[in-house]
Amino acid sequence: MNTLFKYSGLICIALGLISFVVSLIVGTTIDANGIVQEPGFIFVPVGLLFIYAGIFLTIVYLLVKWIKKMTKKPSSN
C-alpha cells in the first residue's frame, strides 16, 4: 500500500490535535463591554474536521487492507 495512504489518518488526527493546542495557546479575552474575544476559535472546527477525517481515513485504510487480505487467494504448491 501507498505509505501516504497508510499514514494519512494519523497525520490528520495529529493536525486536529495541533489545532486544538493552538486554540488553547491563543486563548480568550473579555473586552470592556463584556464581550468574549476568541481570535483562535476557528481552530476548534478545523481541529474537529481533521480528527473526523483522520478517523474516516483510518477506517477506510483498515477496510481496504482487510478486503485485500480476504480476497487474496492461497498459493497452490
Protein backbone atom coordinates (compact mmCIF):
# COMPACT_ATOMS: atom_id res chain seq x y z
CA MET A 1 0.00 0.00 0.00
CA ASN A 2 0.98 3.55 -0.53
CA THR A 3 2.81 4.92 2.51
CA LEU A 4 0.99 8.26 2.30
CA PHE A 5 -2.37 6.48 2.37
CA LYS A 6 -1.16 4.33 5.24
CA TYR A 7 -0.32 7.30 7.48
CA SER A 8 -2.85 9.88 6.24
CA GLY A 9 -5.32 9.11 9.04
CA LEU A 10 -2.66 9.51 11.69
CA ILE A 11 -1.45 12.76 10.12
CA CYS A 12 -4.98 14.19 10.07
CA ILE A 13 -5.59 13.27 13.72
CA ALA A 14 -2.26 14.84 14.69
CA LEU A 15 -3.16 18.04 12.80
CA GLY A 16 -6.51 18.10 14.59
CA LEU A 17 -4.85 17.84 17.98
CA ILE A 18 -2.36 20.56 17.00
CA SER A 19 -5.30 22.79 16.04
CA PHE A 20 -6.82 22.33 19.50
CA VAL A 21 -3.50 23.14 21.16
CA VAL A 22 -3.15 26.30 19.06
CA SER A 23 -6.68 27.31 20.06
CA LEU A 24 -5.73 26.89 23.73
CA ILE A 25 -2.47 28.82 23.34
CA VAL A 26 -4.14 31.78 21.60
CA GLY A 27 -6.61 31.99 24.47
CA THR A 28 -9.59 34.25 25.07
CA THR A 29 -10.05 37.73 26.44
CA ILE A 30 -13.00 39.76 27.64
CA ASP A 31 -13.18 43.35 26.40
CA ALA A 32 -14.51 46.38 28.29
CA ASN A 33 -18.09 45.71 27.13
CA GLY A 34 -18.04 42.16 28.50
CA ILE A 35 -17.84 40.51 25.07
CA VAL A 36 -15.64 37.43 24.77
CA GLN A 37 -12.93 37.78 22.12
CA GLU A 38 -11.64 34.46 20.80
CA PRO A 39 -9.23 35.02 17.93
CA GLY A 40 -8.32 31.32 17.78
CA PHE A 41 -11.88 29.99 17.69
CA ILE A 42 -11.54 28.96 14.04
CA PHE A 43 -9.10 26.25 15.11
CA VAL A 44 -11.81 24.35 17.01
CA PRO A 45 -13.97 23.40 13.99
CA VAL A 46 -10.86 22.92 11.86
CA GLY A 47 -9.48 20.55 14.50
CA LEU A 48 -12.74 18.61 14.60
CA LEU A 49 -12.73 18.36 10.81
CA PHE A 50 -9.19 16.99 10.83
CA ILE A 51 -10.00 14.47 13.57
CA TYR A 52 -13.14 13.23 11.81
CA ALA A 53 -11.25 12.99 8.50
CA GLY A 54 -8.47 11.06 10.25
CA ILE A 55 -10.91 8.60 11.76
CA PHE A 56 -12.61 8.15 8.38
CA LEU A 57 -9.31 7.63 6.55
CA THR A 58 -8.13 5.15 9.16
CA ILE A 59 -11.35 3.14 8.83
CA VAL A 60 -11.09 3.17 5.02
CA TYR A 61 -7.45 2.05 5.19
CA LEU A 62 -8.28 -0.80 7.54
CA LEU A 63 -11.24 -1.89 5.40
CA VAL A 64 -9.15 -1.89 2.22
CA LYS A 65 -6.43 -3.85 3.99
CA TRP A 66 -8.97 -6.36 5.33
CA ILE A 67 -10.67 -6.77 1.92
CA LYS A 68 -7.31 -7.37 0.22
CA LYS A 69 -6.45 -9.96 2.84
CA MET A 70 -9.79 -11.74 2.44
CA THR A 71 -9.73 -11.79 -1.36
CA LYS A 72 -6.13 -12.97 -1.55
CA LYS A 73 -6.13 -16.47 -2.96
CA PRO A 74 -3.95 -19.03 -1.26
CA SER A 75 -0.97 -20.04 -3.36
CA SER A 76 -1.05 -23.59 -4.63
CA ASN A 77 2.21 -25.56 -4.41
